[in-house]
Amino acid sequence: GLFGSPWVGLQNFQTLWDQGKIAYLTKNTILYNLAFIFLGNFCQIAAAIILSRMVNKYLKKTYQTIMFLPYFVSYVIVQAFSYALFNSGSGMVTMIVRNLTGNTGFAPYSTPEIWKYIIVLVYLWKQIGYGTVVYLAAITSIGDDYYEAAQIDGASVMQQIRYITIPLLIPTFIVLLLLSLGQIMRGQFELFYQLVGNEGQLYEATDILDTFVFRMLRVSFDVGIGSAAGLYQSLVGFLLI
């Protein structure tokens, strides 16, 4: 049982460190989250500003709905689309790249480098609509008197965005940034697991702490290593918070 078992101390942490896994898992987790945070917020702010400037309210609602729909699409469905686009046999993107480049051996699931961009693009596609709603609500709360005064002073639309809209969105951005930084050690498990799955040759470029812990506990049944990685993730996350 628990109390009759030998105590290994910090051996599991030492194994993780010696194998070099903690380094690249931490790097991947943090870099992906930074890309999600900053690219995501940039795209969401841009989309919110564009929507707020649209005069036709029916067209505005239509675009907003189209942008928001991917947020409700299950990652399982996203995985099916991804496989249809990138599989080595008849994937649409695979065939297009082969025809354009003449590289008949091109196989996305054997090319780890491209998945960094695929994962970020899929995340932006899924989350941009949700974040846009938050920033659009913040823009709506800005009083019209700011813009009316700017128009009287002869400010163009771009000047109004630069000197009024963006500065007044900074407090909202800072709040969302602080909330995101507290979760920077927590990856988007469903996104990574569904898109990459058990493709071992993609792990070095796409593996994060969440998927590694899951694989250790449910696939490799290495409870010691998985628990050590999970505890490391929780401790660092606690310190960041």
Protein backbone atom coordinates (compact mmCIF):
# COMPACT_ATOMS: atom_id res chain seq x y z
CA GLY A 1 0.00 0.00 0.00
CA LEU A 2 0.91 3.66 0.22
CA PHE A 3 2.81 3.53 3.54
CA GLY A 4 4.47 0.19 2.76
CA SER A 5 5.89 1.35 -0.56
CA PRO A 6 9.47 2.62 -0.93
CA TRP A 7 9.87 6.42 -0.94
CA VAL A 8 11.74 7.64 -4.01
CA GLY A 9 12.10 11.23 -2.87
CA LEU A 10 12.88 13.56 -5.76
CA GLN A 11 13.90 10.79 -8.15
CA ASN A 12 11.02 11.42 -10.56
CA PHE A 13 11.89 15.12 -10.76
CA GLN A 14 15.52 14.20 -11.35
CA THR A 15 14.49 11.83 -14.17
CA LEU A 16 12.42 14.55 -15.83
CA TRP A 17 15.31 16.98 -15.59
CA ASP A 18 17.94 14.50 -16.85
CA GLN A 19 15.82 13.55 -19.85
CA GLY A 20 15.48 17.22 -20.79
CA LYS A 21 11.70 16.97 -20.96
CA ILE A 22 10.90 19.66 -18.41
CA ALA A 23 12.86 22.24 -20.42
CA TYR A 24 11.08 21.79 -23.75
CA LEU A 25 7.69 21.14 -22.14
CA THR A 26 7.94 24.39 -20.19
CA LYS A 27 9.20 26.27 -23.25
CA ASN A 28 6.41 24.95 -25.46
CA THR A 29 3.71 25.64 -22.88
CA ILE A 30 4.83 29.22 -22.20
CA LEU A 31 5.57 30.17 -25.83
CA TYR A 32 2.26 28.82 -27.10
CA ASN A 33 0.37 30.63 -24.35
CA LEU A 34 2.22 33.88 -25.07
CA ALA A 35 1.29 33.56 -28.75
CA PHE A 36 -2.32 32.85 -27.79
CA ILE A 37 -2.45 35.82 -25.41
CA PHE A 38 -0.85 38.52 -27.53
CA LEU A 39 -1.93 37.45 -31.02
CA GLY A 40 -5.37 36.59 -29.71
CA ASN A 41 -5.88 39.95 -28.02
CA PHE A 42 -4.50 41.84 -31.03
CA CYS A 43 -6.91 40.09 -33.42
CA GLN A 44 -9.83 40.47 -31.02
CA ILE A 45 -9.21 44.20 -30.55
CA ALA A 46 -8.87 44.69 -34.31
CA ALA A 47 -12.07 42.76 -35.02
CA ALA A 48 -13.97 44.63 -32.30
CA ILE A 49 -12.87 48.02 -33.67
CA ILE A 50 -13.86 47.05 -37.22
CA LEU A 51 -17.28 45.82 -36.07
CA SER A 52 -17.87 48.93 -33.97
CA ARG A 53 -17.23 51.08 -37.04
CA MET A 54 -19.73 49.25 -39.25
CA VAL A 55 -22.83 51.33 -39.97
CA ASN A 56 -25.11 48.55 -41.28
CA LYS A 57 -26.34 46.88 -38.08
CA TYR A 58 -27.66 43.76 -39.89
CA LEU A 59 -24.31 43.20 -41.60
CA LYS A 60 -22.57 43.86 -38.29
CA LYS A 61 -24.64 41.19 -36.51
CA THR A 62 -24.08 38.75 -39.34
CA TYR A 63 -20.30 39.10 -39.20
CA GLN A 64 -20.31 38.92 -35.42
CA THR A 65 -22.35 35.70 -35.50
CA ILE A 66 -20.06 34.12 -38.11
CA MET A 67 -17.01 34.98 -36.01
CA PHE A 68 -18.62 33.64 -32.83
CA LEU A 69 -19.79 30.29 -34.25
CA PRO A 70 -16.37 28.52 -34.20
CA TYR A 71 -16.25 28.99 -30.41
CA PHE A 72 -19.06 26.45 -30.10
CA VAL A 73 -17.51 23.88 -32.45
CA SER A 74 -16.18 20.86 -30.56
CA TYR A 75 -12.46 20.15 -30.81
CA VAL A 76 -13.39 16.64 -31.91
CA ILE A 77 -15.03 18.16 -35.00
CA VAL A 78 -11.99 20.40 -35.47
CA GLN A 79 -9.77 17.29 -35.40
CA ALA A 80 -11.88 15.70 -38.15
CA PHE A 81 -11.52 18.82 -40.32
CA SER A 82 -7.80 18.95 -39.57
CA TYR A 83 -7.26 15.35 -40.60
CA ALA A 84 -9.25 15.89 -43.80
CA LEU A 85 -7.00 18.83 -44.66
CA PHE A 86 -3.59 17.49 -43.64
CA ASN A 87 -3.58 13.70 -43.91
CA SER A 88 -0.79 12.31 -46.08
CA GLY A 89 -3.04 10.43 -48.46
CA SER A 90 -5.76 12.72 -49.76
CA GLY A 91 -5.59 15.81 -47.55
CA MET A 92 -6.61 18.94 -49.44
CA VAL A 93 -3.75 21.09 -48.11
CA THR A 94 -1.29 18.23 -48.63
CA MET A 95 -2.30 17.83 -52.28
CA ILE A 96 -2.18 21.59 -52.93
CA VAL A 97 1.35 21.90 -51.48
CA ARG A 98 2.54 18.88 -53.46
CA ASN A 99 1.15 20.26 -56.70
CA LEU A 100 2.53 23.75 -56.15
CA THR A 101 6.00 22.76 -54.93
CA GLY A 102 6.49 19.48 -56.74
CA ASN A 103 7.44 17.88 -53.41
CA THR A 104 5.57 14.58 -53.68
CA GLY A 105 6.92 13.43 -50.35
CA PHE A 106 5.41 16.27 -48.35
CA ALA A 107 3.51 14.93 -45.35
CA PRO A 108 2.21 17.39 -42.71
CA TYR A 109 2.18 14.78 -39.95
CA SER A 110 5.89 14.22 -40.56
CA THR A 111 6.73 17.94 -40.56
CA PRO A 112 6.71 19.21 -36.95
CA GLU A 113 7.63 22.82 -37.82
CA ILE A 114 4.34 23.64 -39.54
CA TRP A 115 2.21 22.53 -36.61
CA LYS A 116 3.34 25.48 -34.52
CA TYR A 117 1.52 27.74 -36.95
CA ILE A 118 -1.44 25.41 -37.49
CA ILE A 119 -2.14 25.20 -33.75
CA VAL A 120 -1.96 28.98 -33.29
CA LEU A 121 -4.21 29.61 -36.31
CA VAL A 122 -6.78 27.07 -35.12
CA TYR A 123 -6.78 28.67 -31.66
CA LEU A 124 -7.31 32.15 -33.14
CA TRP A 125 -10.10 30.84 -35.37
CA LYS A 126 -11.83 29.30 -32.34
CA GLN A 127 -11.37 32.13 -29.83
CA ILE A 128 -11.45 35.37 -31.80
CA GLY A 129 -15.26 35.61 -31.74
CA TYR A 130 -15.52 35.20 -27.96
CA GLY A 131 -12.82 37.76 -27.22
CA THR A 132 -14.28 40.18 -29.73
CA VAL A 133 -17.54 40.28 -27.77
CA VAL A 134 -15.65 41.35 -24.63
CA TYR A 135 -13.80 44.16 -26.40
CA LEU A 136 -16.91 45.20 -28.33
CA ALA A 137 -18.73 45.62 -25.02
CA ALA A 138 -15.85 47.78 -23.76
CA ILE A 139 -16.00 49.93 -26.91
CA THR A 140 -19.76 50.31 -26.54
CA SER A 141 -19.24 51.72 -23.03
CA ILE A 142 -17.08 54.57 -24.39
CA GLY A 143 -19.13 57.75 -24.41
CA ASP A 144 -20.10 59.31 -27.73
CA ASP A 145 -18.98 62.72 -26.52
CA TYR A 146 -15.34 61.67 -26.97
CA TYR A 147 -15.87 60.91 -30.65
CA GLU A 148 -18.08 63.96 -31.21
CA ALA A 149 -15.42 66.25 -29.77
CA ALA A 150 -12.77 64.57 -31.92
CA GLN A 151 -14.89 65.01 -35.06
CA ILE A 152 -15.37 68.70 -34.26
CA ASP A 153 -11.58 69.02 -33.96
CA GLY A 154 -11.22 67.41 -37.38
CA ALA A 155 -9.88 64.01 -36.29
CA SER A 156 -10.06 61.27 -38.92
CA VAL A 157 -11.42 57.78 -38.21
CA MET A 158 -7.92 56.38 -37.76
CA GLN A 159 -7.01 59.20 -35.39
CA GLN A 160 -10.15 58.54 -33.34
CA ILE A 161 -9.21 54.87 -33.10
CA ARG A 162 -5.60 55.67 -32.21
CA TYR A 163 -6.18 58.40 -29.63
CA ILE A 164 -9.57 57.42 -28.16
CA THR A 165 -10.58 53.80 -28.72
CA ILE A 166 -7.26 52.04 -28.17
CA PRO A 167 -6.22 54.01 -25.03
CA LEU A 168 -9.64 53.40 -23.44
CA LEU A 169 -9.37 49.66 -24.22
CA ILE A 170 -6.04 49.34 -22.40
CA PRO A 171 -7.62 48.76 -18.92
CA THR A 172 -9.70 45.89 -20.33
CA PHE A 173 -6.63 44.44 -22.03
CA ILE A 174 -4.61 44.63 -18.80
CA VAL A 175 -7.30 42.80 -16.81
CA LEU A 176 -7.54 40.03 -19.42
CA LEU A 177 -3.74 39.87 -19.63
CA LEU A 178 -3.38 39.40 -15.86
CA LEU A 179 -6.03 36.68 -15.85
CA SER A 180 -4.27 34.94 -18.74
CA LEU A 181 -0.80 35.16 -17.16
CA GLY A 182 -2.10 33.29 -14.13
CA GLN A 183 -2.92 30.37 -16.42
CA ILE A 184 0.22 30.54 -18.57
CA MET A 185 1.39 27.12 -17.37
CA ARG A 186 -1.95 25.57 -18.31
CA GLY A 187 -2.15 24.70 -21.97
CA GLN A 188 -5.19 24.24 -24.18
CA PHE A 189 -5.33 20.47 -23.65
CA GLU A 190 -8.24 19.73 -26.01
CA LEU A 191 -6.66 21.75 -28.80
CA PHE A 192 -3.28 20.02 -28.64
CA TYR A 193 -4.58 16.53 -27.90
CA GLN A 194 -7.18 16.52 -30.66
CA LEU A 195 -4.98 18.07 -33.35
CA VAL A 196 -1.78 16.12 -32.61
CA GLY A 197 -3.08 12.98 -30.90
CA ASN A 198 -0.49 10.22 -30.65
CA GLU A 199 1.77 11.43 -33.46
CA GLY A 200 5.06 10.93 -31.62
CA GLN A 201 7.19 12.69 -34.24
CA LEU A 202 5.30 15.92 -33.54
CA TYR A 203 5.79 15.88 -29.77
CA GLU A 204 8.95 17.98 -29.62
CA ALA A 205 7.25 20.88 -31.40
CA THR A 206 3.73 20.49 -30.00
CA ASP A 207 3.92 18.69 -26.66
CA ILE A 208 2.92 20.75 -23.61
CA LEU A 209 2.73 19.92 -19.92
CA ASP A 210 -0.96 19.03 -20.02
CA THR A 211 -0.65 16.50 -22.84
CA PHE A 212 2.54 15.05 -21.34
CA VAL A 213 0.89 14.48 -17.94
CA PHE A 214 -2.15 12.91 -19.60
CA ARG A 215 0.02 10.61 -21.70
CA MET A 216 2.08 9.53 -18.69
CA LEU A 217 -0.99 8.75 -16.58
CA ARG A 218 -3.31 7.23 -19.21
CA VAL A 219 -1.07 5.85 -21.95
CA SER A 220 2.33 4.99 -20.44
CA PHE A 221 0.92 4.38 -16.94
CA ASP A 222 3.99 6.05 -15.44
CA VAL A 223 2.22 7.60 -12.46
CA GLY A 224 5.44 8.82 -10.81
CA ILE A 225 6.68 10.86 -13.77
CA GLY A 226 3.20 12.15 -14.59
CA SER A 227 2.58 13.24 -11.02
CA ALA A 228 5.97 14.96 -10.81
CA ALA A 229 5.27 16.92 -14.02
CA GLY A 230 1.80 17.85 -12.78
CA LEU A 231 3.13 19.04 -9.42
CA TYR A 232 5.82 21.10 -11.16
CA GLN A 233 3.17 22.68 -13.37
CA SER A 234 0.96 23.51 -10.39
CA LEU A 235 3.78 24.99 -8.31
CA VAL A 236 5.02 27.26 -11.10
CA GLY A 237 1.47 28.30 -11.87
CA PHE A 238 0.88 29.11 -8.20
CA LEU A 239 4.01 31.27 -8.10
CA LEU A 240 2.89 33.15 -11.22
CA ILE A 241 -0.53 33.80 -9.73
